Amino acid sequence: MSRPPVVQLYRAGAALARAVPAPVARGVARTGGTVASRALHDRRAQVERNLRRVDPSLSGRHLRRAVDATFASYGRYWAESFRLTGLDAGHIDRGFSYTGYDHVVAAREQGSGVIIALPHLGGWEWAAFWLAAIEDVPVTAVVEALEPPELFEWFVDFRRALGMNVVPLGPAAGGEVLRALKAGHAVCLLSDRDIGGGGVEVELFGERTTLPAGPATLALRTGAPILPTAIYFDGDLHRARVDPPLAVERRGSLRDDVARVTQDLAHALEDLIRAAPEQWHLMQPNWPSDRADLGH
């Protein structure tokens, strides 16, 4: 059975990224991302809105350059992700630095899993590979299901090759993640977009929206800490920032506690994103006003 064209396109991109030297792959990806941004008008408009939420002073030439930098960063994300399966553990380790990793160590020494709550920023898969290959930490990642199914399966196979246990977002995800936390896994949750809807209302960059309830609910039910985390591109390398665990003790009803912890997480994500807003790869409507103003 032949693969859909989109799967063939991704496979070809991955093969090309692994076939050329890393600087060439990054350069082509950055240029391609910037060029593509000129044709993707809705996504470019969304990135403009997001950057101005982070820094309301951005406008004119400075805003255009920041948008171009965001798309260039997104291109780099794809190029480096595609190259990962061809890299050995030593290369991954040499390309990685971190602050706050002691929070992960402390959680695992207590015998619990840990919830790594991430924004769509930089290159998180590099860090997941580092955890699995260098630190021997089992990693579970909850990911959005993609269409067509063949494309999703290709991504699942790709991430499993990096040592991740991949859980599709859906009704069965909660049970699988609970089992992973009980087994001591680091559970990676991209937490700055409410993909399925029905999340918790929060204030994010001064505007009301919703974020997924999963991180807070899991933490309150299991006692696993939530560590707000970002993986930044740092020159040619990658740098992880792991912030201290959020306060997740029970104070009232589960609903109220989930709302409180999710709002605390929203503020933590703001701090992580402000450190490198041009690496924030969120390009879909994420606030109610986005859908209204962009016609979605």
C-alpha atoms as a PDB file:
ATOM      1  CA  MET A   1       0.000   0.000   0.000  1.00  0.00           C
ATOM      2  CA  SER A   2       1.447   3.378  -0.992  1.00  0.00           C
ATOM      3  CA  ARG A   3       1.874   6.077   1.628  1.00  0.00           C
ATOM      4  CA  PRO A   4      -0.073   9.367   1.343  1.00  0.00           C
ATOM      5  CA  PRO A   5       1.919  12.187  -0.294  1.00  0.00           C
ATOM      6  CA  VAL A   6       2.196  14.126   2.975  1.00  0.00           C
ATOM      7  CA  VAL A   7       3.908  11.150   4.650  1.00  0.00           C
ATOM      8  CA  GLN A   8       6.285  10.807   1.722  1.00  0.00           C
ATOM      9  CA  LEU A   9       7.060  14.522   2.034  1.00  0.00           C
ATOM     10  CA  TYR A  10       7.962  14.216   5.724  1.00  0.00           C
ATOM     11  CA  ARG A  11      10.037  11.106   5.090  1.00  0.00           C
ATOM     12  CA  ALA A  12      11.925  12.911   2.328  1.00  0.00           C
ATOM     13  CA  GLY A  13      12.497  15.936   4.561  1.00  0.00           C
ATOM     14  CA  ALA A  14      13.841  13.732   7.332  1.00  0.00           C
ATOM     15  CA  ALA A  15      16.167  11.906   4.952  1.00  0.00           C
ATOM     16  CA  LEU A  16      17.479  15.180   3.543  1.00  0.00           C
ATOM     17  CA  ALA A  17      18.029  16.692   7.001  1.00  0.00           C
ATOM     18  CA  ARG A  18      20.117  13.667   8.025  1.00  0.00           C
ATOM     19  CA  ALA A  19      22.073  13.580   4.749  1.00  0.00           C
ATOM     20  CA  VAL A  20      23.582  17.078   4.936  1.00  0.00           C
ATOM     21  CA  PRO A  21      25.837  18.654   7.599  1.00  0.00           C
ATOM     22  CA  ALA A  22      24.005  20.158  10.577  1.00  0.00           C
ATOM     23  CA  PRO A  23      24.841  23.815   9.740  1.00  0.00           C
ATOM     24  CA  VAL A  24      23.515  23.317   6.217  1.00  0.00           C
ATOM     25  CA  ALA A  25      20.302  21.697   7.482  1.00  0.00           C
ATOM     26  CA  ARG A  26      19.728  24.503   9.971  1.00  0.00           C
ATOM     27  CA  GLY A  27      20.440  27.195   7.391  1.00  0.00           C
ATOM     28  CA  VAL A  28      18.101  25.724   4.805  1.00  0.00           C
ATOM     29  CA  ALA A  29      15.388  25.200   7.415  1.00  0.00           C
ATOM     30  CA  ARG A  30      15.655  28.759   8.738  1.00  0.00           C
ATOM     31  CA  THR A  31      15.477  30.201   5.233  1.00  0.00           C
ATOM     32  CA  GLY A  32      12.631  27.915   4.268  1.00  0.00           C
ATOM     33  CA  GLY A  33      10.669  28.822   7.372  1.00  0.00           C
ATOM     34  CA  THR A  34      11.064  32.544   6.724  1.00  0.00           C
ATOM     35  CA  VAL A  35      10.042  32.195   3.076  1.00  0.00           C
ATOM     36  CA  ALA A  36       7.041  30.027   3.957  1.00  0.00           C
ATOM     37  CA  SER A  37       5.832  32.613   6.440  1.00  0.00           C
ATOM     38  CA  ARG A  38       5.159  35.039   3.583  1.00  0.00           C
ATOM     39  CA  ALA A  39       2.621  32.643   2.093  1.00  0.00           C
ATOM     40  CA  LEU A  40       1.005  31.501   5.351  1.00  0.00           C
ATOM     41  CA  HIS A  41      -0.920  34.681   5.996  1.00  0.00           C
ATOM     42  CA  ASP A  42      -3.188  33.401   8.781  1.00  0.00           C
ATOM     43  CA  ARG A  43      -0.316  31.838  10.687  1.00  0.00           C
ATOM     44  CA  ARG A  44       1.822  34.927  10.254  1.00  0.00           C
ATOM     45  CA  ALA A  45      -1.026  37.069  11.601  1.00  0.00           C
ATOM     46  CA  GLN A  46      -1.365  34.719  14.582  1.00  0.00           C
ATOM     47  CA  VAL A  47       2.352  34.892  15.359  1.00  0.00           C
ATOM     48  CA  GLU A  48       2.167  38.694  15.199  1.00  0.00           C
ATOM     49  CA  ARG A  49      -0.664  38.654  17.730  1.00  0.00           C
ATOM     50  CA  ASN A  50       1.222  36.295  20.034  1.00  0.00           C
ATOM     51  CA  LEU A  51       4.431  38.332  19.933  1.00  0.00           C
ATOM     52  CA  ARG A  52       2.540  41.524  20.714  1.00  0.00           C
ATOM     53  CA  ARG A  53       0.905  39.809  23.663  1.00  0.00           C
ATOM     54  CA  VAL A  54       4.377  39.046  25.009  1.00  0.00           C
ATOM     55  CA  ASP A  55       5.746  42.495  24.123  1.00  0.00           C
ATOM     56  CA  PRO A  56       3.039  45.101  23.356  1.00  0.00           C
ATOM     57  CA  SER A  57       5.705  47.585  22.258  1.00  0.00           C
ATOM     58  CA  LEU A  58       6.549  45.550  19.131  1.00  0.00           C
ATOM     59  CA  SER A  59       5.427  47.146  15.877  1.00  0.00           C
ATOM     60  CA  GLY A  60       6.533  47.899  12.346  1.00  0.00           C
ATOM     61  CA  ARG A  61       9.949  46.653  11.268  1.00  0.00           C
ATOM     62  CA  HIS A  62      10.772  45.196  14.702  1.00  0.00           C
ATOM     63  CA  LEU A  63       7.577  43.148  14.704  1.00  0.00           C
ATOM     64  CA  ARG A  64       8.177  41.875  11.157  1.00  0.00           C
ATOM     65  CA  ARG A  65      11.695  40.783  12.089  1.00  0.00           C
ATOM     66  CA  ALA A  66      10.415  39.019  15.205  1.00  0.00           C
ATOM     67  CA  VAL A  67       7.812  37.155  13.143  1.00  0.00           C
ATOM     68  CA  ASP A  68      10.469  36.135  10.597  1.00  0.00           C
ATOM     69  CA  ALA A  69      12.664  34.922  13.459  1.00  0.00           C
ATOM     70  CA  THR A  70       9.802  32.821  14.835  1.00  0.00           C
ATOM     71  CA  PHE A  71       9.260  31.050  11.522  1.00  0.00           C
ATOM     72  CA  ALA A  72      13.004  30.563  11.122  1.00  0.00           C
ATOM     73  CA  SER A  73      13.089  29.009  14.594  1.00  0.00           C
ATOM     74  CA  TYR A  74      10.214  26.707  13.655  1.00  0.00           C
ATOM     75  CA  GLY A  75      12.104  25.598  10.566  1.00  0.00           C
ATOM     76  CA  ARG A  76      15.102  24.813  12.741  1.00  0.00           C
ATOM     77  CA  TYR A  77      12.889  22.784  15.068  1.00  0.00           C
ATOM     78  CA  TRP A  78      11.875  20.503  12.193  1.00  0.00           C
ATOM     79  CA  ALA A  79      15.385  20.168  10.804  1.00  0.00           C
ATOM     80  CA  GLU A  80      16.884  19.245  14.160  1.00  0.00           C
ATOM     81  CA  SER A  81      14.028  16.921  15.087  1.00  0.00           C
ATOM     82  CA  PHE A  82      14.474  15.054  11.809  1.00  0.00           C
ATOM     83  CA  ARG A  83      18.197  14.653  12.494  1.00  0.00           C
ATOM     84  CA  LEU A  84      17.795  13.226  15.980  1.00  0.00           C
ATOM     85  CA  THR A  85      17.421   9.577  15.027  1.00  0.00           C
ATOM     86  CA  GLY A  86      20.793   9.711  13.265  1.00  0.00           C
ATOM     87  CA  LEU A  87      22.695  11.107  16.263  1.00  0.00           C
ATOM     88  CA  ASP A  88      24.430   9.112  18.965  1.00  0.00           C
ATOM     89  CA  ALA A  89      24.017   9.731  22.686  1.00  0.00           C
ATOM     90  CA  GLY A  90      27.383  11.476  22.986  1.00  0.00           C
ATOM     91  CA  HIS A  91      26.409  14.052  20.376  1.00  0.00           C
ATOM     92  CA  ILE A  92      23.105  14.679  22.144  1.00  0.00           C
ATOM     93  CA  ASP A  93      24.894  15.173  25.463  1.00  0.00           C
ATOM     94  CA  ARG A  94      27.477  17.588  24.020  1.00  0.00           C
ATOM     95  CA  GLY A  95      24.722  19.696  22.487  1.00  0.00           C
ATOM     96  CA  PHE A  96      22.744  20.062  25.699  1.00  0.00           C
ATOM     97  CA  SER A  97      22.982  22.163  28.868  1.00  0.00           C
ATOM     98  CA  TYR A  98      20.502  22.774  31.647  1.00  0.00           C
ATOM     99  CA  THR A  99      19.560  24.634  34.801  1.00  0.00           C
ATOM    100  CA  GLY A 100      17.182  23.260  37.407  1.00  0.00           C
ATOM    101  CA  TYR A 101      17.564  19.591  36.509  1.00  0.00           C
ATOM    102  CA  ASP A 102      17.936  18.897  40.229  1.00  0.00           C
ATOM    103  CA  HIS A 103      14.134  19.284  40.459  1.00  0.00           C
ATOM    104  CA  VAL A 104      13.732  16.241  38.201  1.00  0.00           C
ATOM    105  CA  VAL A 105      16.293  14.289  40.221  1.00  0.00           C
ATOM    106  CA  ALA A 106      14.567  15.173  43.506  1.00  0.00           C
ATOM    107  CA  ALA A 107      11.172  14.030  42.250  1.00  0.00           C
ATOM    108  CA  ARG A 108      12.516  10.702  41.065  1.00  0.00           C
ATOM    109  CA  GLU A 109      14.438  10.151  44.321  1.00  0.00           C
ATOM    110  CA  GLN A 110      11.096  10.402  46.117  1.00  0.00           C
ATOM    111  CA  GLY A 111       9.859   7.528  43.988  1.00  0.00           C
ATOM    112  CA  SER A 112       7.328   9.468  41.948  1.00  0.00           C
ATOM    113  CA  GLY A 113       7.015  10.337  38.337  1.00  0.00           C
ATOM    114  CA  VAL A 114       7.286  13.948  37.268  1.00  0.00           C
ATOM    115  CA  ILE A 115       5.139  16.133  35.022  1.00  0.00           C
ATOM    116  CA  ILE A 116       7.215  18.230  32.603  1.00  0.00           C
ATOM    117  CA  ALA A 117       4.883  21.053  31.528  1.00  0.00           C
ATOM    118  CA  LEU A 118       6.163  22.726  28.359  1.00  0.00           C
ATOM    119  CA  PRO A 119       5.172  25.497  25.990  1.00  0.00           C
ATOM    120  CA  HIS A 120       5.595  25.019  22.224  1.00  0.00           C
ATOM    121  CA  LEU A 121       9.056  26.527  22.454  1.00  0.00           C
ATOM    122  CA  GLY A 122      12.450  25.623  21.000  1.00  0.00           C
ATOM    123  CA  GLY A 123      13.216  21.915  20.530  1.00  0.00           C
ATOM    124  CA  TRP A 124      11.698  19.796  23.313  1.00  0.00           C
ATOM    125  CA  GLU A 125      12.404  16.465  21.604  1.00  0.00           C
ATOM    126  CA  TRP A 126      16.163  16.985  22.000  1.00  0.00           C
ATOM    127  CA  ALA A 127      15.657  17.098  25.773  1.00  0.00           C
ATOM    128  CA  ALA A 128      13.404  14.027  25.740  1.00  0.00           C
ATOM    129  CA  PHE A 129      16.085  12.103  23.845  1.00  0.00           C
ATOM    130  CA  TRP A 130      18.707  13.310  26.344  1.00  0.00           C
ATOM    131  CA  LEU A 131      16.587  12.132  29.285  1.00  0.00           C
ATOM    132  CA  ALA A 132      16.076   8.687  27.776  1.00  0.00           C
ATOM    133  CA  ALA A 133      19.553   8.143  26.311  1.00  0.00           C
ATOM    134  CA  ILE A 134      21.831   9.869  28.851  1.00  0.00           C
ATOM    135  CA  GLU A 135      19.924   9.844  32.136  1.00  0.00           C
ATOM    136  CA  ASP A 136      18.065   6.581  31.546  1.00  0.00           C
ATOM    137  CA  VAL A 137      14.804   8.267  32.564  1.00  0.00           C
ATOM    138  CA  PRO A 138      11.707   6.704  30.978  1.00  0.00           C
ATOM    139  CA  VAL A 139       9.828   9.371  29.030  1.00  0.00           C
ATOM    140  CA  THR A 140       6.138   9.423  28.145  1.00  0.00           C
ATOM    141  CA  ALA A 141       4.875  12.117  25.789  1.00  0.00           C
ATOM    142  CA  VAL A 142       1.219  12.941  25.140  1.00  0.00           C
ATOM    143  CA  VAL A 143       0.839  14.120  21.553  1.00  0.00           C
ATOM    144  CA  GLU A 144      -1.957  15.406  19.359  1.00  0.00           C
ATOM    145  CA  ALA A 145      -3.352  12.903  16.873  1.00  0.00           C
ATOM    146  CA  LEU A 146      -2.760  13.991  13.277  1.00  0.00           C
ATOM    147  CA  GLU A 147      -4.488  13.390   9.983  1.00  0.00           C
ATOM    148  CA  PRO A 148      -4.052  11.317   7.947  1.00  0.00           C
ATOM    149  CA  PRO A 149      -3.516   8.423  10.378  1.00  0.00           C
ATOM    150  CA  GLU A 150      -0.457   7.295   8.407  1.00  0.00           C
ATOM    151  CA  LEU A 151       1.241  10.602   9.213  1.00  0.00           C
ATOM    152  CA  PHE A 152       0.481  10.206  12.903  1.00  0.00           C
ATOM    153  CA  GLU A 153       1.889   6.672  12.888  1.00  0.00           C
ATOM    154  CA  TRP A 154       5.048   7.951  11.209  1.00  0.00           C
ATOM    155  CA  PHE A 155       5.512  10.503  14.002  1.00  0.00           C
ATOM    156  CA  VAL A 156       4.800   7.875  16.658  1.00  0.00           C
ATOM    157  CA  ASP A 157       7.457   5.590  15.169  1.00  0.00           C
ATOM    158  CA  PHE A 158       9.891   8.510  14.958  1.00  0.00           C
ATOM    159  CA  ARG A 159       9.443   9.455  18.623  1.00  0.00           C
ATOM    160  CA  ARG A 160       9.585   5.857  19.802  1.00  0.00           C
ATOM    161  CA  ALA A 161      12.925   5.578  18.027  1.00  0.00           C
ATOM    162  CA  LEU A 162      14.096   8.369  20.361  1.00  0.00           C
ATOM    163  CA  GLY A 163      13.123   6.296  23.398  1.00  0.00           C
ATOM    164  CA  MET A 164       9.741   7.858  24.130  1.00  0.00           C
ATOM    165  CA  ASN A 165       6.515   6.134  25.090  1.00  0.00           C
ATOM    166  CA  VAL A 166       3.960   7.990  22.953  1.00  0.00           C
ATOM    167  CA  VAL A 167       0.360   8.444  24.121  1.00  0.00           C
ATOM    168  CA  PRO A 168      -2.185   9.915  21.655  1.00  0.00           C
ATOM    169  CA  LEU A 169      -4.326  12.697  23.091  1.00  0.00           C
ATOM    170  CA  GLY A 170      -7.810  11.280  23.620  1.00  0.00           C
ATOM    171  CA  PRO A 171     -10.145   9.534  26.080  1.00  0.00           C
ATOM    172  CA  ALA A 172      -7.624   6.803  26.920  1.00  0.00           C
ATOM    173  CA  ALA A 173      -4.708   9.165  27.539  1.00  0.00           C
ATOM    174  CA  GLY A 174      -5.486   9.823  31.220  1.00  0.00           C
ATOM    175  CA  GLY A 175      -5.244   6.196  32.253  1.00  0.00           C
ATOM    176  CA  GLU A 176      -2.034   5.622  30.317  1.00  0.00           C
ATOM    177  CA  VAL A 177      -0.411   8.695  31.812  1.00  0.00           C
ATOM    178  CA  LEU A 178      -1.439   7.708  35.343  1.00  0.00           C
ATOM    179  CA  ARG A 179       0.249   4.350  34.830  1.00  0.00           C
ATOM    180  CA  ALA A 180       3.364   6.089  33.478  1.00  0.00           C
ATOM    181  CA  LEU A 181       3.591   8.371  36.516  1.00  0.00           C
ATOM    182  CA  LYS A 182       3.198   5.443  38.896  1.00  0.00           C
ATOM    183  CA  ALA A 183       6.056   3.746  37.023  1.00  0.00           C
ATOM    184  CA  GLY A 184       8.300   6.783  37.603  1.00  0.00           C
ATOM    185  CA  HIS A 185       8.236   8.255  34.104  1.00  0.00           C
ATOM    186  CA  ALA A 186       8.898  11.851  33.138  1.00  0.00           C
ATOM    187  CA  VAL A 187       5.620  12.779  31.458  1.00  0.00           C
ATOM    188  CA  CYS A 188       5.981  15.563  28.877  1.00  0.00           C
ATOM    189  CA  LEU A 189       2.833  17.649  28.378  1.00  0.00           C
ATOM    190  CA  LEU A 190       2.686  20.578  25.942  1.00  0.00           C
ATOM    191  CA  SER A 191       0.547  22.850  28.089  1.00  0.00           C
ATOM    192  CA  ASP A 192       0.086  26.216  26.371  1.00  0.00           C
ATOM    193  CA  ARG A 193      -2.742  25.219  24.009  1.00  0.00           C
ATOM    194  CA  ASP A 194      -6.147  23.729  24.816  1.00  0.00           C
ATOM    195  CA  ILE A 195      -6.346  21.449  21.787  1.00  0.00           C
ATOM    196  CA  GLY A 196      -9.420  19.457  22.726  1.00  0.00           C
ATOM    197  CA  GLY A 197     -11.405  22.334  24.216  1.00  0.00           C
ATOM    198  CA  GLY A 198     -13.124  22.200  27.570  1.00  0.00           C
ATOM    199  CA  GLY A 199     -10.042  23.296  29.479  1.00  0.00           C
ATOM    200  CA  VAL A 200      -9.684  25.611  32.469  1.00  0.00           C
ATOM    201  CA  GLU A 201     -10.222  29.338  32.049  1.00  0.00           C
ATOM    202  CA  VAL A 202      -7.078  31.317  32.879  1.00  0.00           C
ATOM    203  CA  GLU A 203      -5.468  34.648  32.218  1.00  0.00           C
ATOM    204  CA  LEU A 204      -2.534  34.260  29.825  1.00  0.00           C
ATOM    205  CA  PHE A 205      -0.593  37.359  28.790  1.00  0.00           C
ATOM    206  CA  GLY A 206      -3.373  39.591  30.100  1.00  0.00           C
ATOM    207  CA  GLU A 207      -6.235  37.956  28.210  1.00  0.00           C
ATOM    208  CA  ARG A 208      -8.705  35.246  29.145  1.00  0.00           C
ATOM    209  CA  THR A 209      -8.427  31.887  27.426  1.00  0.00           C
ATOM    210  CA  THR A 210      -8.376  28.215  28.403  1.00  0.00           C
ATOM    211  CA  LEU A 211      -5.508  25.812  29.045  1.00  0.00           C
ATOM    212  CA  PRO A 212      -5.651  22.029  29.441  1.00  0.00           C
ATOM    213  CA  ALA A 213      -6.617  20.761  32.889  1.00  0.00           C
ATOM    214  CA  GLY A 214      -4.477  17.629  32.527  1.00  0.00           C
ATOM    215  CA  PRO A 215      -1.260  18.735  34.267  1.00  0.00           C
ATOM    216  CA  ALA A 216      -3.047  20.051  37.364  1.00  0.00           C
ATOM    217  CA  THR A 217      -5.487  17.138  37.566  1.00  0.00           C
ATOM    218  CA  LEU A 218      -2.730  14.548  37.282  1.00  0.00           C
ATOM    219  CA  ALA A 219      -0.573  16.284  39.882  1.00  0.00           C
ATOM    220  CA  LEU A 220      -3.420  16.608  42.383  1.00  0.00           C
ATOM    221  CA  ARG A 221      -4.420  12.984  41.961  1.00  0.00           C
ATOM    222  CA  THR A 222      -0.958  11.420  42.058  1.00  0.00           C
ATOM    223  CA  GLY A 223       1.244  13.827  44.012  1.00  0.00           C
ATOM    224  CA  ALA A 224       3.655  14.041  41.078  1.00  0.00           C
ATOM    225  CA  PRO A 225       5.216  17.513  40.862  1.00  0.00           C
ATOM    226  CA  ILE A 226       4.605  19.840  37.935  1.00  0.00           C
ATOM    227  CA  LEU A 227       7.877  21.299  36.652  1.00  0.00           C
ATOM    228  CA  PRO A 228       7.404  24.224  34.225  1.00  0.00           C
ATOM    229  CA  THR A 229      10.128  23.635  31.651  1.00  0.00           C
ATOM    230  CA  ALA A 230      11.378  25.084  28.379  1.00  0.00           C
ATOM    231  CA  ILE A 231      14.024  23.932  25.926  1.00  0.00           C
ATOM    232  CA  TYR A 232      15.677  26.883  24.182  1.00  0.00           C
ATOM    233  CA  PHE A 233      17.849  27.054  21.106  1.00  0.00           C
ATOM    234  CA  ASP A 234      21.096  28.526  22.431  1.00  0.00           C
ATOM    235  CA  GLY A 235      23.367  29.318  19.524  1.00  0.00           C
ATOM    236  CA  ASP A 236      24.034  25.965  17.877  1.00  0.00           C
ATOM    237  CA  LEU A 237      23.180  24.153  21.113  1.00  0.00           C
ATOM    238  CA  HIS A 238      20.115  23.489  23.302  1.00  0.00           C
ATOM    239  CA  ARG A 239      19.501  24.680  26.836  1.00  0.00           C
ATOM    240  CA  ALA A 240      16.858  23.407  29.234  1.00  0.00           C
ATOM    241  CA  ARG A 241      15.373  25.533  31.985  1.00  0.00           C
ATOM    242  CA  VAL A 242      13.508  23.576  34.639  1.00  0.00           C
ATOM    243  CA  ASP A 243      11.684  25.818  37.113  1.00  0.00           C
ATOM    244  CA  PRO A 244      10.782  24.793  40.679  1.00  0.00           C
ATOM    245  CA  PRO A 245       7.671  22.666  41.167  1.00  0.00           C
ATOM    246  CA  LEU A 246       4.325  24.390  41.436  1.00  0.00           C
ATOM    247  CA  ALA A 247       2.389  24.239  44.702  1.00  0.00           C
ATOM    248  CA  VAL A 248      -0.169  21.493  44.100  1.00  0.00           C
ATOM    249  CA  GLU A 249      -1.381  20.616  47.588  1.00  0.00           C
ATOM    250  CA  ARG A 250      -5.133  20.246  48.116  1.00  0.00           C
ATOM    251  CA  ARG A 251      -6.782  23.377  49.504  1.00  0.00           C
ATOM    252  CA  GLY A 252     -10.431  22.987  48.566  1.00  0.00           C
ATOM    253  CA  SER A 253     -12.570  21.201  46.020  1.00  0.00           C
ATOM    254  CA  LEU A 254     -10.777  19.385  43.204  1.00  0.00           C
ATOM    255  CA  ARG A 255     -12.325  21.758  40.677  1.00  0.00           C
ATOM    256  CA  ASP A 256     -11.085  24.845  42.530  1.00  0.00           C
ATOM    257  CA  ASP A 257      -7.636  23.350  43.046  1.00  0.00           C
ATOM    258  CA  VAL A 258      -7.335  22.443  39.352  1.00  0.00           C
ATOM    259  CA  ALA A 259      -8.287  26.018  38.441  1.00  0.00           C
ATOM    260  CA  ARG A 260      -5.727  27.473  40.866  1.00  0.00           C
ATOM    261  CA  VAL A 261      -2.864  25.236  39.769  1.00  0.00           C
ATOM    262  CA  THR A 262      -3.643  25.771  36.078  1.00  0.00           C
ATOM    263  CA  GLN A 263      -3.551  29.539  36.572  1.00  0.00           C
ATOM    264  CA  ASP A 264      -0.219  29.212  38.375  1.00  0.00           C
ATOM    265  CA  LEU A 265       1.043  27.140  35.456  1.00  0.00           C
ATOM    266  CA  ALA A 266      -0.141  29.811  33.012  1.00  0.00           C
ATOM    267  CA  HIS A 267       1.967  32.424  34.806  1.00  0.00           C
ATOM    268  CA  ALA A 268       4.966  30.061  34.824  1.00  0.00           C
ATOM    269  CA  LEU A 269       4.598  29.496  31.081  1.00  0.00           C
ATOM    270  CA  GLU A 270       4.508  33.266  30.558  1.00  0.00           C
ATOM    271  CA  ASP A 271       7.897  33.570  32.260  1.00  0.00           C
ATOM    272  CA  LEU A 272       9.379  30.788  30.131  1.00  0.00           C
ATOM    273  CA  ILE A 273       8.058  32.282  26.890  1.00  0.00           C
ATOM    274  CA  ARG A 274       9.186  35.836  27.722  1.00  0.00           C
ATOM    275  CA  ALA A 275      12.766  34.561  27.859  1.00  0.00           C
ATOM    276  CA  ALA A 276      12.707  33.802  24.095  1.00  0.00           C
ATOM    277  CA  PRO A 277       9.415  34.841  22.440  1.00  0.00           C
ATOM    278  CA  GLU A 278      10.840  34.382  18.923  1.00  0.00           C
ATOM    279  CA  GLN A 279      11.151  30.649  19.695  1.00  0.00           C
ATOM    280  CA  TRP A 280       7.458  30.298  20.598  1.00  0.00           C
ATOM    281  CA  HIS A 281       6.051  28.085  17.858  1.00  0.00           C
ATOM    282  CA  LEU A 282       2.358  28.542  18.663  1.00  0.00           C
ATOM    283  CA  MET A 283       0.755  29.368  15.325  1.00  0.00           C
ATOM    284  CA  GLN A 284      -2.896  28.418  15.834  1.00  0.00           C
ATOM    285  CA  PRO A 285      -5.673  30.512  17.417  1.00  0.00           C
ATOM    286  CA  ASN A 286      -5.327  30.204  21.189  1.00  0.00           C
ATOM    287  CA  TRP A 287      -7.560  32.959  22.567  1.00  0.00           C
ATOM    288  CA  PRO A 288     -11.264  33.587  21.800  1.00  0.00           C
ATOM    289  CA  SER A 289     -10.361  36.946  20.253  1.00  0.00           C
ATOM    290  CA  ASP A 290      -8.060  35.170  17.767  1.00  0.00           C
ATOM    291  CA  ARG A 291     -10.929  33.180  16.350  1.00  0.00           C
ATOM    292  CA  ALA A 292     -13.106  36.269  16.101  1.00  0.00           C
ATOM    293  CA  ASP A 293     -10.518  38.612  14.588  1.00  0.00           C
ATOM    294  CA  LEU A 294      -8.942  36.049  12.235  1.00  0.00           C
ATOM    295  CA  GLY A 295     -12.269  34.669  11.064  1.00  0.00           C
ATOM    296  CA  HIS A 296     -11.956  31.133  12.518  1.00  0.00           C
END
